[in-house]
Amino acid sequence: MRSPSDPIRNAWIQVLSTGGVGLLACISASLWAFSPLEHEPVDPDWQPKVDVPEPTSKSGGNLEQMVAFEKRLWTPPEKPTALAANDAPPEATPTPPPKLVLLGIVSPIESGSSGYEAILYDPDTDTVHIVSSGTAIGSVTVGSITNDTAVLVSPLGESMLRLDTGRQQADQG
């Protein structure tokens, strides 16, 4: 016969009793959770009281969304209708001259023409111009052309474009 103080037997009894109590607690909680509650019936004519006028359109939005968009969040400042008498109209800034790059200098093949022609590249418009002295490209006029330079005359002044031949670097060492 076994002793009433057997530790394994006592452990089994504790496990079974704890499990049984837990199982009963789960069953009673699920019955309580899924049982229907008794409520008073809601009057179908009940509506919330809103201080906002009814929407005129029959769009699918609810009332709160439509009221939110009725507020004006920002009003732009008013523009003056006419300039004052002492205000002068803004002066038009001159267009900047094109950014030209000297690609090369060529001698004309035709025996009748003399001098050099410059090959200029405009990176803004992605165009190549073969020009002689006195030719205008936009607001820039081509001045004198030598074997390694071209002078450009613009409303802002003169600028000299030098052809990069690599001789200067060789001379400097």
N, C-alpha and C. Protein backbone atom coordinates (compact mmCIF):
# COMPACT_ATOMS: atom_id res chain seq x y z
N MET A 1 0.82 -1.17 0.00
CA MET A 1 0.00 0.00 0.00
C MET A 1 0.88 1.24 0.00
N ARG A 2 0.35 2.24 -0.63
CA ARG A 2 1.15 3.45 -0.75
C ARG A 2 0.90 4.37 0.42
N SER A 3 1.88 5.15 0.64
CA SER A 3 1.81 6.10 1.75
C SER A 3 1.07 7.36 1.31
N PRO A 4 0.25 7.99 2.20
CA PRO A 4 -0.45 9.21 1.83
C PRO A 4 0.51 10.39 1.62
N SER A 5 1.72 10.28 1.99
CA SER A 5 2.67 11.37 1.82
C SER A 5 3.54 11.17 0.58
N ASP A 6 3.08 10.38 -0.38
CA ASP A 6 3.83 10.11 -1.61
C ASP A 6 3.90 11.40 -2.44
N PRO A 7 5.09 11.89 -2.78
CA PRO A 7 5.19 13.17 -3.49
C PRO A 7 4.67 13.12 -4.91
N ILE A 8 4.81 12.04 -5.60
CA ILE A 8 4.33 11.95 -6.99
C ILE A 8 2.82 11.96 -7.01
N ARG A 9 2.22 11.23 -6.09
CA ARG A 9 0.76 11.21 -6.00
C ARG A 9 0.22 12.59 -5.68
N ASN A 10 0.85 13.29 -4.77
CA ASN A 10 0.42 14.65 -4.41
C ASN A 10 0.55 15.61 -5.61
N ALA A 11 1.59 15.46 -6.40
CA ALA A 11 1.79 16.32 -7.57
C ALA A 11 0.69 16.09 -8.61
N TRP A 12 0.31 14.80 -8.83
CA TRP A 12 -0.75 14.49 -9.78
C TRP A 12 -2.09 15.07 -9.31
N ILE A 13 -2.36 14.98 -8.07
CA ILE A 13 -3.61 15.51 -7.54
C ILE A 13 -3.65 17.03 -7.71
N GLN A 14 -2.53 17.71 -7.50
CA GLN A 14 -2.48 19.17 -7.67
C GLN A 14 -2.66 19.55 -9.14
N VAL A 15 -2.03 18.81 -10.04
CA VAL A 15 -2.15 19.10 -11.48
C VAL A 15 -3.58 18.91 -11.94
N LEU A 16 -4.21 17.80 -11.53
CA LEU A 16 -5.58 17.54 -11.97
C LEU A 16 -6.57 18.53 -11.36
N SER A 17 -6.39 18.89 -10.13
CA SER A 17 -7.32 19.85 -9.52
C SER A 17 -7.14 21.24 -10.12
N THR A 18 -5.90 21.67 -10.37
CA THR A 18 -5.66 22.98 -10.99
C THR A 18 -6.20 23.01 -12.42
N GLY A 19 -6.00 21.92 -13.17
CA GLY A 19 -6.52 21.85 -14.53
C GLY A 19 -8.03 21.87 -14.56
N GLY A 20 -8.65 21.15 -13.64
CA GLY A 20 -10.12 21.12 -13.58
C GLY A 20 -10.69 22.48 -13.26
N VAL A 21 -10.09 23.17 -12.30
CA VAL A 21 -10.57 24.51 -11.94
C VAL A 21 -10.36 25.47 -13.12
N GLY A 22 -9.24 25.37 -13.78
CA GLY A 22 -8.97 26.23 -14.94
C GLY A 22 -9.94 25.98 -16.07
N LEU A 23 -10.23 24.69 -16.33
CA LEU A 23 -11.18 24.33 -17.38
C LEU A 23 -12.57 24.87 -17.05
N LEU A 24 -13.00 24.78 -15.82
CA LEU A 24 -14.29 25.34 -15.41
C LEU A 24 -14.32 26.87 -15.58
N ALA A 25 -13.20 27.52 -15.27
CA ALA A 25 -13.13 28.98 -15.42
C ALA A 25 -13.23 29.38 -16.90
N CYS A 26 -12.56 28.64 -17.77
CA CYS A 26 -12.63 28.95 -19.22
C CYS A 26 -14.03 28.74 -19.75
N ILE A 27 -14.67 27.66 -19.36
CA ILE A 27 -16.03 27.39 -19.84
C ILE A 27 -16.98 28.48 -19.37
N SER A 28 -16.90 28.85 -18.10
CA SER A 28 -17.82 29.89 -17.60
C SER A 28 -17.53 31.24 -18.25
N ALA A 29 -16.27 31.58 -18.54
CA ALA A 29 -15.95 32.85 -19.20
C ALA A 29 -16.48 32.87 -20.62
N SER A 30 -16.36 31.75 -21.33
CA SER A 30 -16.87 31.72 -22.71
C SER A 30 -18.39 31.78 -22.73
N LEU A 31 -19.06 31.14 -21.79
CA LEU A 31 -20.51 31.24 -21.73
C LEU A 31 -20.96 32.67 -21.44
N TRP A 32 -20.26 33.32 -20.53
CA TRP A 32 -20.60 34.72 -20.22
C TRP A 32 -20.34 35.63 -21.41
N ALA A 33 -19.23 35.41 -22.15
CA ALA A 33 -18.87 36.28 -23.28
C ALA A 33 -19.84 36.13 -24.44
N PHE A 34 -20.32 34.93 -24.68
CA PHE A 34 -21.17 34.72 -25.85
C PHE A 34 -22.66 34.77 -25.54
N SER A 35 -23.02 35.01 -24.32
CA SER A 35 -24.45 35.10 -24.01
C SER A 35 -24.99 36.45 -24.44
N PRO A 36 -26.18 36.52 -25.00
CA PRO A 36 -26.73 37.79 -25.47
C PRO A 36 -27.09 38.69 -24.29
N LEU A 37 -26.91 39.97 -24.48
CA LEU A 37 -27.23 40.96 -23.46
C LEU A 37 -28.60 41.56 -23.75
N GLU A 38 -29.28 41.92 -22.73
CA GLU A 38 -30.59 42.54 -22.89
C GLU A 38 -30.42 44.06 -22.93
N HIS A 39 -30.83 44.71 -24.02
CA HIS A 39 -30.76 46.17 -24.18
C HIS A 39 -32.15 46.69 -24.48
N GLU A 40 -32.31 47.95 -24.15
CA GLU A 40 -33.55 48.61 -24.54
C GLU A 40 -33.50 48.87 -26.04
N PRO A 41 -34.58 48.74 -26.72
CA PRO A 41 -34.56 49.00 -28.17
C PRO A 41 -34.28 50.49 -28.43
N VAL A 42 -33.52 50.78 -29.50
CA VAL A 42 -33.17 52.14 -29.88
C VAL A 42 -34.25 52.70 -30.79
N ASP A 43 -34.66 53.93 -30.52
CA ASP A 43 -35.67 54.59 -31.34
C ASP A 43 -35.09 54.86 -32.73
N PRO A 44 -35.70 54.38 -33.80
CA PRO A 44 -35.12 54.58 -35.13
C PRO A 44 -35.20 56.03 -35.60
N ASP A 45 -36.02 56.87 -34.99
CA ASP A 45 -36.11 58.27 -35.41
C ASP A 45 -35.08 59.15 -34.71
N TRP A 46 -34.27 58.57 -33.84
CA TRP A 46 -33.28 59.36 -33.11
C TRP A 46 -32.18 59.80 -34.05
N GLN A 47 -31.80 61.09 -33.99
CA GLN A 47 -30.72 61.62 -34.80
C GLN A 47 -29.89 62.56 -33.93
N PRO A 48 -28.60 62.65 -34.16
CA PRO A 48 -27.80 63.58 -33.37
C PRO A 48 -28.13 65.01 -33.76
N LYS A 49 -27.95 65.93 -32.82
CA LYS A 49 -28.21 67.34 -33.09
C LYS A 49 -26.92 67.98 -33.57
N VAL A 50 -26.96 68.59 -34.75
CA VAL A 50 -25.79 69.21 -35.36
C VAL A 50 -26.14 70.65 -35.67
N ASP A 51 -25.19 71.58 -35.39
CA ASP A 51 -25.42 73.00 -35.63
C ASP A 51 -25.09 73.42 -37.05
N VAL A 52 -24.76 72.50 -37.90
CA VAL A 52 -24.33 72.80 -39.26
C VAL A 52 -25.50 72.58 -40.21
N PRO A 53 -25.63 73.42 -41.24
CA PRO A 53 -26.73 73.20 -42.20
C PRO A 53 -26.53 71.89 -42.96
N GLU A 54 -27.62 71.35 -43.40
CA GLU A 54 -27.59 70.11 -44.16
C GLU A 54 -26.84 70.30 -45.47
N PRO A 55 -26.09 69.30 -45.91
CA PRO A 55 -25.39 69.43 -47.19
C PRO A 55 -26.39 69.48 -48.35
N THR A 56 -26.04 70.27 -49.36
CA THR A 56 -26.94 70.41 -50.50
C THR A 56 -26.78 69.27 -51.50
N SER A 57 -25.58 68.71 -51.58
CA SER A 57 -25.38 67.63 -52.55
C SER A 57 -25.64 66.30 -51.89
N LYS A 58 -25.96 65.33 -52.68
CA LYS A 58 -26.25 63.99 -52.19
C LYS A 58 -25.03 63.09 -52.38
N SER A 59 -23.81 63.64 -52.23
CA SER A 59 -22.60 62.82 -52.40
C SER A 59 -22.49 61.85 -51.25
N GLY A 60 -21.62 60.87 -51.39
CA GLY A 60 -21.53 59.78 -50.43
C GLY A 60 -20.79 60.11 -49.16
N GLY A 61 -20.28 61.33 -48.93
CA GLY A 61 -19.51 61.64 -47.74
C GLY A 61 -20.40 61.82 -46.53
N ASN A 62 -19.86 61.58 -45.34
CA ASN A 62 -20.66 61.79 -44.15
C ASN A 62 -20.58 63.26 -43.73
N LEU A 63 -21.38 63.63 -42.79
CA LEU A 63 -21.53 65.04 -42.42
C LEU A 63 -20.25 65.61 -41.81
N GLU A 64 -19.54 64.83 -41.00
CA GLU A 64 -18.33 65.34 -40.37
C GLU A 64 -17.26 65.66 -41.41
N GLN A 65 -17.14 64.83 -42.43
CA GLN A 65 -16.15 65.09 -43.47
C GLN A 65 -16.50 66.34 -44.25
N MET A 66 -17.77 66.54 -44.53
CA MET A 66 -18.16 67.72 -45.31
C MET A 66 -17.97 69.00 -44.51
N VAL A 67 -18.22 68.95 -43.21
CA VAL A 67 -18.05 70.13 -42.36
C VAL A 67 -16.58 70.49 -42.26
N ALA A 68 -15.70 69.49 -42.23
CA ALA A 68 -14.27 69.75 -42.11
C ALA A 68 -13.75 70.54 -43.30
N PHE A 69 -14.31 70.35 -44.49
CA PHE A 69 -13.82 71.03 -45.67
C PHE A 69 -14.50 72.38 -45.91
N GLU A 70 -15.43 72.78 -45.06
CA GLU A 70 -16.04 74.09 -45.21
C GLU A 70 -15.17 75.19 -44.66
N LYS A 71 -14.26 74.88 -43.75
CA LYS A 71 -13.38 75.88 -43.16
C LYS A 71 -12.33 76.29 -44.18
N ARG A 72 -12.04 77.58 -44.23
CA ARG A 72 -10.99 78.07 -45.10
C ARG A 72 -9.73 78.19 -44.26
N LEU A 73 -8.70 77.44 -44.62
CA LEU A 73 -7.50 77.38 -43.81
C LEU A 73 -6.55 78.55 -44.09
N TRP A 74 -6.52 79.06 -45.31
CA TRP A 74 -5.57 80.12 -45.64
C TRP A 74 -6.20 81.01 -46.71
N THR A 75 -6.03 82.29 -46.53
CA THR A 75 -6.51 83.26 -47.51
C THR A 75 -5.30 84.00 -48.07
N PRO A 76 -5.10 83.98 -49.38
CA PRO A 76 -3.93 84.67 -49.94
C PRO A 76 -4.08 86.17 -49.77
N PRO A 77 -2.95 86.87 -49.64
CA PRO A 77 -3.03 88.32 -49.50
C PRO A 77 -3.55 88.95 -50.80
N GLU A 78 -4.21 90.07 -50.66
CA GLU A 78 -4.75 90.73 -51.84
C GLU A 78 -3.64 91.40 -52.63
N LYS A 79 -3.75 91.32 -53.94
CA LYS A 79 -2.78 91.95 -54.81
C LYS A 79 -3.23 93.38 -55.08
N PRO A 80 -2.28 94.32 -55.14
CA PRO A 80 -2.69 95.68 -55.46
C PRO A 80 -3.19 95.75 -56.90
N THR A 81 -4.25 96.50 -57.11
CA THR A 81 -4.86 96.55 -58.44
C THR A 81 -4.07 97.44 -59.39
N ALA A 82 -3.48 98.49 -58.90
CA ALA A 82 -2.72 99.38 -59.78
C ALA A 82 -1.45 99.83 -59.06
N LEU A 83 -0.43 100.12 -59.85
CA LEU A 83 0.81 100.61 -59.26
C LEU A 83 0.62 102.05 -58.80
N ALA A 84 1.27 102.39 -57.73
CA ALA A 84 1.19 103.77 -57.26
C ALA A 84 1.89 104.68 -58.26
N ALA A 85 1.61 105.98 -58.19
CA ALA A 85 2.16 106.93 -59.16
C ALA A 85 3.67 107.02 -59.05
N ASN A 86 4.22 106.89 -57.84
CA ASN A 86 5.67 107.02 -57.70
C ASN A 86 6.40 105.71 -57.95
N ASP A 87 5.68 104.60 -58.07
CA ASP A 87 6.33 103.32 -58.35
C ASP A 87 6.61 103.20 -59.84
N ALA A 88 7.84 102.90 -60.15
CA ALA A 88 8.23 102.72 -61.56
C ALA A 88 8.06 101.25 -61.90
N PRO A 89 7.69 100.94 -63.13
CA PRO A 89 7.59 99.52 -63.51
C PRO A 89 8.97 98.87 -63.44
N PRO A 90 9.03 97.61 -63.12
CA PRO A 90 10.33 96.95 -63.01
C PRO A 90 11.02 96.91 -64.37
N GLU A 91 12.33 97.15 -64.33
CA GLU A 91 13.10 97.17 -65.57
C GLU A 91 13.36 95.74 -66.03
N ALA A 92 13.28 95.55 -67.32
CA ALA A 92 13.54 94.24 -67.88
C ALA A 92 15.04 93.99 -67.86
N THR A 93 15.45 92.88 -67.30
CA THR A 93 16.87 92.56 -67.27
C THR A 93 17.27 92.01 -68.63
N PRO A 94 18.42 92.39 -69.12
CA PRO A 94 18.85 91.88 -70.43
C PRO A 94 19.11 90.39 -70.35
N THR A 95 18.81 89.72 -71.44
CA THR A 95 19.04 88.28 -71.47
C THR A 95 20.54 88.02 -71.45
N PRO A 96 20.98 87.05 -70.68
CA PRO A 96 22.41 86.78 -70.62
C PRO A 96 22.89 86.23 -71.96
N PRO A 97 24.14 86.51 -72.31
CA PRO A 97 24.67 85.99 -73.58
C PRO A 97 24.80 84.47 -73.49
N PRO A 98 24.75 83.80 -74.62
CA PRO A 98 24.89 82.34 -74.59
C PRO A 98 26.27 81.93 -74.10
N LYS A 99 26.33 80.78 -73.45
CA LYS A 99 27.61 80.26 -72.96
C LYS A 99 28.25 79.49 -74.10
N LEU A 100 29.20 80.10 -74.76
CA LEU A 100 29.83 79.48 -75.92
C LEU A 100 31.19 78.92 -75.53
N VAL A 101 31.54 77.77 -76.12
CA VAL A 101 32.82 77.11 -75.90
C VAL A 101 33.52 77.01 -77.24
N LEU A 102 34.80 77.37 -77.27
CA LEU A 102 35.57 77.30 -78.52
C LEU A 102 36.08 75.87 -78.69
N LEU A 103 35.57 75.20 -79.74
CA LEU A 103 35.98 73.82 -80.00
C LEU A 103 37.17 73.75 -80.95
N GLY A 104 37.23 74.68 -81.89
CA GLY A 104 38.32 74.61 -82.85
C GLY A 104 38.35 75.84 -83.74
N ILE A 105 39.48 75.99 -84.47
CA ILE A 105 39.68 77.06 -85.46
C ILE A 105 40.00 76.37 -86.78
N VAL A 106 39.32 76.77 -87.86
CA VAL A 106 39.56 76.16 -89.17
C VAL A 106 39.86 77.25 -90.18
N SER A 107 40.59 76.85 -91.22
CA SER A 107 40.85 77.75 -92.34
C SER A 107 39.87 77.37 -93.44
N PRO A 108 39.26 78.38 -94.07
CA PRO A 108 38.32 78.05 -95.14
C PRO A 108 39.04 77.42 -96.33
N ILE A 109 38.35 76.47 -96.96
CA ILE A 109 38.94 75.76 -98.10
C ILE A 109 38.84 76.62 -99.36
N GLU A 110 37.81 77.40 -99.47
CA GLU A 110 37.60 78.20 -100.67
C GLU A 110 38.71 79.23 -100.81
N SER A 111 39.19 79.40 -102.02
CA SER A 111 40.32 80.31 -102.23
C SER A 111 39.88 81.77 -102.12
N GLY A 112 38.60 82.06 -102.31
CA GLY A 112 38.13 83.43 -102.29
C GLY A 112 38.03 84.01 -100.88
N SER A 113 37.85 83.20 -99.88
CA SER A 113 37.71 83.71 -98.52
C SER A 113 39.04 83.67 -97.81
N SER A 114 39.21 84.61 -96.91
CA SER A 114 40.47 84.67 -96.17
C SER A 114 40.17 84.69 -94.68
N GLY A 115 41.15 84.43 -93.86
CA GLY A 115 40.97 84.46 -92.42
C GLY A 115 40.61 83.08 -91.89
N TYR A 116 40.21 83.09 -90.65
CA TYR A 116 39.87 81.84 -89.97
C TYR A 116 38.37 81.82 -89.64
N GLU A 117 37.89 80.61 -89.39
CA GLU A 117 36.53 80.42 -88.90
C GLU A 117 36.62 79.67 -87.57
N ALA A 118 35.71 80.02 -86.65
CA ALA A 118 35.70 79.39 -85.33
C ALA A 118 34.55 78.39 -85.23
N ILE A 119 34.81 77.29 -84.56
CA ILE A 119 33.76 76.31 -84.27
C ILE A 119 33.38 76.51 -82.81
N LEU A 120 32.16 77.00 -82.59
CA LEU A 120 31.68 77.32 -81.25
C LEU A 120 30.55 76.36 -80.88
N TYR A 121 30.51 75.96 -79.62
CA TYR A 121 29.48 75.06 -79.11
C TYR A 121 28.68 75.79 -78.05
N ASP A 122 27.34 75.74 -78.18
CA ASP A 122 26.43 76.33 -77.19
C ASP A 122 25.82 75.18 -76.37
N PRO A 123 26.26 74.98 -75.10
CA PRO A 123 25.73 73.85 -74.32
C PRO A 123 24.27 74.05 -73.90
N ASP A 124 23.78 75.29 -73.87
CA ASP A 124 22.38 75.51 -73.47
C ASP A 124 21.42 74.96 -74.52
N THR A 125 21.73 75.19 -75.78
CA THR A 125 20.85 74.71 -76.87
C THR A 125 21.39 73.45 -77.54
N ASP A 126 22.60 73.01 -77.16
CA ASP A 126 23.25 71.83 -77.71
C ASP A 126 23.41 71.96 -79.23
N THR A 127 23.96 73.10 -79.65
CA THR A 127 24.18 73.35 -81.08
C THR A 127 25.63 73.74 -81.32
N VAL A 128 26.12 73.43 -82.50
CA VAL A 128 27.48 73.79 -82.93
C VAL A 128 27.34 74.85 -84.02
N HIS A 129 28.12 75.92 -83.89
CA HIS A 129 28.10 77.02 -84.87
C HIS A 129 29.49 77.13 -85.49
N ILE A 130 29.56 77.18 -86.82
CA ILE A 130 30.81 77.46 -87.53
C ILE A 130 30.65 78.87 -88.06
N VAL A 131 31.42 79.80 -87.48
CA VAL A 131 31.20 81.23 -87.75
C VAL A 131 32.50 81.90 -88.17
N SER A 132 32.35 82.98 -88.91
CA SER A 132 33.49 83.82 -89.27
C SER A 132 33.35 85.15 -88.53
N SER A 133 34.31 86.00 -88.67
CA SER A 133 34.31 87.28 -87.98
C SER A 133 33.12 88.12 -88.41
N GLY A 134 32.39 88.71 -87.44
CA GLY A 134 31.24 89.56 -87.72
C GLY A 134 29.90 88.83 -87.65
N THR A 135 29.89 87.53 -87.45
CA THR A 135 28.65 86.76 -87.37
C THR A 135 28.05 86.91 -85.97
N ALA A 136 26.71 87.02 -85.92
CA ALA A 136 26.02 87.18 -84.64
C ALA A 136 25.36 85.86 -84.25
N ILE A 137 25.51 85.50 -82.97
CA ILE A 137 24.83 84.34 -82.39
C ILE A 137 24.05 84.89 -81.20
N GLY A 138 22.76 85.05 -81.37
CA GLY A 138 21.94 85.65 -80.31
C GLY A 138 22.36 87.09 -80.08
N SER A 139 22.72 87.45 -78.85
CA SER A 139 23.15 88.82 -78.55
C SER A 139 24.66 88.96 -78.60
N VAL A 140 25.37 87.93 -79.05
CA VAL A 140 26.83 87.94 -79.12
C VAL A 140 27.26 88.03 -80.58
N THR A 141 28.26 88.89 -80.82
CA THR A 141 28.84 89.03 -82.16
C THR A 141 30.27 88.54 -82.10
N VAL A 142 30.68 87.77 -83.10
CA VAL A 142 32.04 87.25 -83.14
C VAL A 142 32.95 88.35 -83.66
N GLY A 143 34.02 88.62 -82.90
CA GLY A 143 35.00 89.64 -83.30
C GLY A 143 36.10 89.00 -84.11
N SER A 144 37.33 89.37 -83.80
CA SER A 144 38.48 88.84 -84.54
C SER A 144 38.75 87.39 -84.16
N ILE A 145 39.24 86.63 -85.16
CA ILE A 145 39.56 85.22 -84.96
C ILE A 145 41.00 85.03 -85.41
N THR A 146 41.83 84.48 -84.51
CA THR A 146 43.21 84.14 -84.85
C THR A 146 43.34 82.63 -84.88
N ASN A 147 44.59 82.13 -85.00
CA ASN A 147 44.78 80.68 -85.11
C ASN A 147 44.50 79.94 -83.79
N ASP A 148 44.43 80.65 -82.65
CA ASP A 148 44.12 79.96 -81.39
C ASP A 148 43.18 80.73 -80.47
N THR A 149 42.60 81.86 -80.92
CA THR A 149 41.66 82.63 -80.09
C THR A 149 40.49 83.12 -80.93
N ALA A 150 39.40 83.41 -80.23
CA ALA A 150 38.24 84.05 -80.85
C ALA A 150 37.71 85.06 -79.85
N VAL A 151 37.41 86.27 -80.32
CA VAL A 151 36.90 87.34 -79.45
C VAL A 151 35.39 87.42 -79.66
N LEU A 152 34.65 87.44 -78.53
CA LEU A 152 33.20 87.57 -78.58
C LEU A 152 32.83 88.93 -78.00
N VAL A 153 31.96 89.67 -78.69
CA VAL A 153 31.52 90.98 -78.25
C VAL A 153 30.04 90.86 -77.87
N SER A 154 29.74 91.19 -76.60
CA SER A 154 28.37 91.13 -76.11
C SER A 154 28.02 92.48 -75.50
N PRO A 155 26.74 92.71 -75.14
CA PRO A 155 26.38 93.97 -74.49
C PRO A 155 27.10 94.17 -73.16
N LEU A 156 27.55 93.09 -72.54
CA LEU A 156 28.25 93.19 -71.26
C LEU A 156 29.74 93.45 -71.43
N GLY A 157 30.29 93.37 -72.64
CA GLY A 157 31.71 93.61 -72.90
C GLY A 157 32.28 92.54 -73.80
N GLU A 158 33.62 92.57 -73.92
CA GLU A 158 34.32 91.60 -74.77
C GLU A 158 34.89 90.47 -73.92
N SER A 159 34.93 89.30 -74.53
CA SER A 159 35.58 88.17 -73.87
C SER A 159 36.34 87.39 -74.93
N MET A 160 37.50 86.86 -74.49
CA MET A 160 38.35 86.13 -75.43
C MET A 160 38.31 84.66 -75.07
N LEU A 161 38.02 83.84 -76.07
CA LEU A 161 38.04 82.39 -75.90
C LEU A 161 39.35 81.88 -76.48
N ARG A 162 40.09 81.11 -75.68
CA ARG A 162 41.38 80.58 -76.12
C ARG A 162 41.22 79.08 -76.39
N LEU A 163 41.78 78.64 -77.48
CA LEU A 163 41.74 77.23 -77.86
C LEU A 163 42.75 76.46 -77.02
N ASP A 164 42.32 75.38 -76.40
CA ASP A 164 43.21 74.56 -75.57
C ASP A 164 43.94 73.60 -76.48
N THR A 165 45.20 73.95 -76.82
CA THR A 165 45.98 73.10 -77.72
C THR A 165 46.95 72.20 -76.98
N GLY A 166 47.17 72.45 -75.70
CA GLY A 166 48.11 71.65 -74.93
C GLY A 166 49.53 72.14 -75.04
N ARG A 167 49.81 73.17 -75.88
CA ARG A 167 51.18 73.68 -76.05
C ARG A 167 51.65 74.41 -74.80
N GLN A 168 50.76 75.11 -74.13
CA GLN A 168 51.16 75.86 -72.95
C GLN A 168 51.62 74.92 -71.86
N GLN A 169 50.96 73.80 -71.69
CA GLN A 169 51.38 72.84 -70.67
C GLN A 169 52.73 72.22 -71.02
N ALA A 170 52.99 71.98 -72.31
CA ALA A 170 54.26 71.40 -72.73
C ALA A 170 55.38 72.42 -72.54
N ASP A 171 55.10 73.72 -72.80
CA ASP A 171 56.12 74.74 -72.64
C ASP A 171 56.47 74.92 -71.17
N GLN A 172 55.49 74.79 -70.27
CA GLN A 172 55.74 75.01 -68.85
C GLN A 172 56.47 73.82 -68.22
N GLY A 173 56.43 72.68 -68.83
CA GLY A 173 57.17 71.53 -68.32
C GLY A 173 56.30 70.61 -67.66
